[in-house]
N, C-alpha and C. Protein backbone atom coordinates (compact mmCIF):
# COMPACT_ATOMS: atom_id res chain seq x y z
N UNK A 1 0.81 -1.19 0.00
CA UNK A 1 0.00 0.00 0.00
C UNK A 1 0.85 1.26 0.00
N UNK A 2 2.09 1.15 -0.41
CA UNK A 2 2.94 2.33 -0.53
C UNK A 2 2.57 3.10 -1.78
N UNK A 3 2.44 4.37 -1.61
CA UNK A 3 2.20 5.22 -2.77
C UNK A 3 3.54 5.67 -3.32
N UNK A 4 3.61 5.75 -4.62
CA UNK A 4 4.82 6.27 -5.24
C UNK A 4 4.92 7.75 -4.91
N UNK A 5 6.13 8.25 -4.70
CA UNK A 5 6.27 9.68 -4.40
C UNK A 5 5.76 10.51 -5.59
N UNK A 6 5.05 11.54 -5.23
CA UNK A 6 4.52 12.42 -6.26
C UNK A 6 5.63 13.31 -6.78
N UNK A 7 5.67 13.47 -8.07
CA UNK A 7 6.65 14.36 -8.68
C UNK A 7 5.98 15.68 -8.97
N UNK A 8 6.61 16.72 -8.50
CA UNK A 8 6.07 18.06 -8.72
C UNK A 8 6.87 18.75 -9.80
N UNK A 9 6.16 19.51 -10.58
CA UNK A 9 6.81 20.31 -11.61
C UNK A 9 7.61 21.41 -10.92
N UNK A 10 8.91 21.57 -11.22
CA UNK A 10 9.71 22.58 -10.53
C UNK A 10 9.22 24.00 -10.78
N UNK A 11 8.50 24.21 -11.88
CA UNK A 11 7.96 25.54 -12.13
C UNK A 11 6.84 25.89 -11.17
N UNK A 12 6.25 24.90 -10.52
CA UNK A 12 5.17 25.15 -9.58
C UNK A 12 5.68 25.40 -8.17
N UNK A 13 6.96 25.21 -7.92
CA UNK A 13 7.51 25.42 -6.59
C UNK A 13 7.41 26.89 -6.22
N UNK A 14 7.14 27.19 -4.95
CA UNK A 14 6.98 28.59 -4.55
C UNK A 14 8.19 29.45 -4.87
N UNK A 15 9.39 28.88 -4.82
CA UNK A 15 10.58 29.68 -5.10
C UNK A 15 10.79 29.94 -6.59
N UNK A 16 10.00 29.28 -7.45
CA UNK A 16 10.12 29.49 -8.90
C UNK A 16 8.95 30.24 -9.50
N UNK A 17 7.92 30.46 -8.73
CA UNK A 17 6.74 31.12 -9.29
C UNK A 17 7.00 32.62 -9.43
N UNK A 18 6.36 33.25 -10.41
CA UNK A 18 6.52 34.70 -10.57
C UNK A 18 5.96 35.45 -9.36
N UNK A 19 6.54 36.59 -9.08
CA UNK A 19 6.08 37.40 -7.95
C UNK A 19 4.80 38.14 -8.31
N UNK A 20 3.96 38.36 -7.33
CA UNK A 20 2.74 39.13 -7.53
C UNK A 20 3.10 40.62 -7.52
N UNK A 21 2.12 41.44 -7.86
CA UNK A 21 2.33 42.91 -7.84
C UNK A 21 2.71 43.34 -6.42
N UNK A 22 2.02 42.82 -5.43
CA UNK A 22 2.29 43.19 -4.03
C UNK A 22 3.72 42.81 -3.63
N UNK A 23 4.13 41.60 -3.99
CA UNK A 23 5.49 41.16 -3.67
C UNK A 23 6.53 42.00 -4.42
N UNK A 24 6.22 42.34 -5.67
CA UNK A 24 7.12 43.16 -6.46
C UNK A 24 7.25 44.55 -5.84
N UNK A 25 6.13 45.13 -5.41
CA UNK A 25 6.18 46.44 -4.76
C UNK A 25 7.01 46.38 -3.49
N UNK A 26 6.87 45.30 -2.73
CA UNK A 26 7.64 45.19 -1.49
C UNK A 26 9.14 45.08 -1.76
N UNK A 27 9.54 44.39 -2.84
CA UNK A 27 10.98 44.31 -3.12
C UNK A 27 11.50 45.64 -3.66
N UNK A 28 10.66 46.41 -4.35
CA UNK A 28 11.08 47.73 -4.81
C UNK A 28 11.29 48.66 -3.63
N UNK A 29 10.36 48.65 -2.69
CA UNK A 29 10.49 49.49 -1.49
C UNK A 29 11.70 49.06 -0.67
N UNK A 30 11.86 47.76 -0.48
CA UNK A 30 13.01 47.26 0.29
C UNK A 30 14.32 47.61 -0.41
N UNK A 31 14.34 47.55 -1.71
CA UNK A 31 15.53 47.93 -2.45
C UNK A 31 15.82 49.41 -2.34
N UNK A 32 14.77 50.22 -2.30
CA UNK A 32 14.95 51.66 -2.20
C UNK A 32 15.54 52.05 -0.84
N UNK A 33 15.10 51.39 0.21
CA UNK A 33 15.65 51.75 1.52
C UNK A 33 16.90 50.95 1.85
N UNK A 34 17.26 50.01 0.98
CA UNK A 34 18.54 49.32 1.09
C UNK A 34 18.61 48.19 2.10
N UNK A 35 17.53 47.45 2.28
CA UNK A 35 17.54 46.35 3.25
C UNK A 35 17.62 44.97 2.61
N UNK A 36 17.75 44.90 1.30
CA UNK A 36 17.86 43.61 0.61
C UNK A 36 19.32 43.34 0.27
N UNK A 37 19.73 42.10 0.47
CA UNK A 37 21.08 41.70 0.07
C UNK A 37 21.10 41.56 -1.45
N UNK A 38 22.28 41.68 -2.03
CA UNK A 38 22.41 41.63 -3.49
C UNK A 38 21.91 40.30 -4.05
N UNK A 39 22.18 39.21 -3.36
CA UNK A 39 21.73 37.89 -3.84
C UNK A 39 20.21 37.80 -3.80
N UNK A 40 19.59 38.33 -2.75
CA UNK A 40 18.13 38.32 -2.65
C UNK A 40 17.52 39.18 -3.75
N UNK A 41 18.11 40.35 -3.97
CA UNK A 41 17.60 41.26 -4.99
C UNK A 41 17.69 40.62 -6.37
N UNK A 42 18.81 39.97 -6.65
CA UNK A 42 18.99 39.32 -7.95
C UNK A 42 17.95 38.21 -8.15
N UNK A 43 17.73 37.41 -7.11
CA UNK A 43 16.73 36.33 -7.20
C UNK A 43 15.33 36.91 -7.38
N UNK A 44 14.98 37.93 -6.59
CA UNK A 44 13.65 38.52 -6.67
C UNK A 44 13.36 39.11 -8.04
N UNK A 45 14.30 39.89 -8.56
CA UNK A 45 14.06 40.51 -9.86
C UNK A 45 14.14 39.49 -10.99
N UNK A 46 14.79 38.36 -10.75
CA UNK A 46 14.77 37.28 -11.73
C UNK A 46 13.41 36.61 -11.81
N UNK A 47 12.68 36.62 -10.71
CA UNK A 47 11.35 35.99 -10.66
C UNK A 47 10.23 36.96 -11.02
N UNK A 48 10.49 38.25 -10.93
CA UNK A 48 9.43 39.25 -11.15
C UNK A 48 9.16 39.40 -12.64
N UNK A 49 7.92 39.67 -12.95
CA UNK A 49 7.52 39.94 -14.33
C UNK A 49 7.82 41.40 -14.65
N UNK A 50 8.20 41.65 -15.86
CA UNK A 50 8.54 43.01 -16.28
C UNK A 50 7.41 43.99 -16.09
N UNK A 51 6.20 43.59 -16.46
CA UNK A 51 5.06 44.50 -16.33
C UNK A 51 4.77 44.79 -14.86
N UNK A 52 4.94 43.80 -13.99
CA UNK A 52 4.72 44.02 -12.56
C UNK A 52 5.74 45.00 -12.00
N UNK A 53 6.99 44.87 -12.44
CA UNK A 53 8.02 45.82 -11.99
C UNK A 53 7.66 47.22 -12.45
N UNK A 54 7.24 47.36 -13.69
CA UNK A 54 6.87 48.68 -14.22
C UNK A 54 5.71 49.28 -13.45
N UNK A 55 4.64 48.51 -13.25
CA UNK A 55 3.46 49.02 -12.54
C UNK A 55 3.81 49.38 -11.09
N UNK A 56 4.54 48.52 -10.42
CA UNK A 56 4.90 48.79 -9.02
C UNK A 56 5.82 49.99 -8.92
N UNK A 57 6.76 50.14 -9.85
CA UNK A 57 7.68 51.27 -9.82
C UNK A 57 6.95 52.59 -10.08
N UNK A 58 6.01 52.58 -11.03
CA UNK A 58 5.23 53.79 -11.30
C UNK A 58 4.38 54.15 -10.08
N UNK A 59 3.75 53.17 -9.46
CA UNK A 59 2.94 53.43 -8.27
C UNK A 59 3.80 53.98 -7.14
N UNK A 60 4.95 53.37 -6.91
CA UNK A 60 5.85 53.81 -5.84
C UNK A 60 6.36 55.22 -6.12
N UNK A 61 6.77 55.48 -7.36
CA UNK A 61 7.26 56.80 -7.73
C UNK A 61 6.16 57.84 -7.55
N UNK A 62 4.93 57.51 -7.93
CA UNK A 62 3.81 58.44 -7.78
C UNK A 62 3.56 58.79 -6.32
N UNK A 63 3.62 57.80 -5.46
CA UNK A 63 3.42 58.05 -4.02
C UNK A 63 4.53 58.94 -3.47
N UNK A 64 5.77 58.67 -3.84
CA UNK A 64 6.89 59.48 -3.37
C UNK A 64 6.75 60.93 -3.84
N UNK A 65 6.42 61.13 -5.11
CA UNK A 65 6.25 62.48 -5.64
C UNK A 65 5.11 63.19 -4.93
N UNK A 66 3.99 62.50 -4.71
CA UNK A 66 2.86 63.09 -4.01
C UNK A 66 3.26 63.52 -2.59
N UNK A 67 3.98 62.67 -1.89
CA UNK A 67 4.42 63.00 -0.53
C UNK A 67 5.35 64.20 -0.54
N UNK A 68 6.27 64.24 -1.50
CA UNK A 68 7.18 65.38 -1.58
C UNK A 68 6.45 66.68 -1.89
N UNK A 69 5.48 66.63 -2.79
CA UNK A 69 4.69 67.83 -3.10
C UNK A 69 3.94 68.30 -1.86
N UNK A 70 3.32 67.37 -1.14
CA UNK A 70 2.60 67.75 0.07
C UNK A 70 3.54 68.32 1.13
N UNK A 71 4.72 67.76 1.26
CA UNK A 71 5.71 68.26 2.21
C UNK A 71 6.15 69.68 1.86
N UNK A 72 6.40 69.94 0.59
CA UNK A 72 6.79 71.29 0.17
C UNK A 72 5.66 72.27 0.40
N UNK A 73 4.44 71.87 0.09
CA UNK A 73 3.28 72.77 0.34
C UNK A 73 3.15 73.08 1.83
N UNK A 74 3.36 72.09 2.66
CA UNK A 74 3.28 72.29 4.11
C UNK A 74 4.37 73.25 4.60
N UNK A 75 5.58 73.08 4.07
CA UNK A 75 6.70 73.93 4.50
C UNK A 75 6.52 75.36 4.02
N UNK A 76 6.03 75.54 2.80
CA UNK A 76 5.86 76.86 2.23
C UNK A 76 4.75 77.64 2.92
N UNK A 77 3.71 76.98 3.35
CA UNK A 77 2.59 77.70 3.98
C UNK A 77 2.78 77.95 5.43
């Protein structure tokens, strides 16, 4: 009654699956503040989809610009 070991497709392993938008945004933020090691960053960006990186980077850049504009308005007034 022994079952044969199941073989899993390596592309389905969690460490090989593409990153989600949320995960991509988190690696962009972590990279910006400098808390990711070079090996982790290389692995993460190797797994991330190009469109996800673009969308997350645009969103992050937009938030940073908005915060800076609000900060300047606060200081000027």
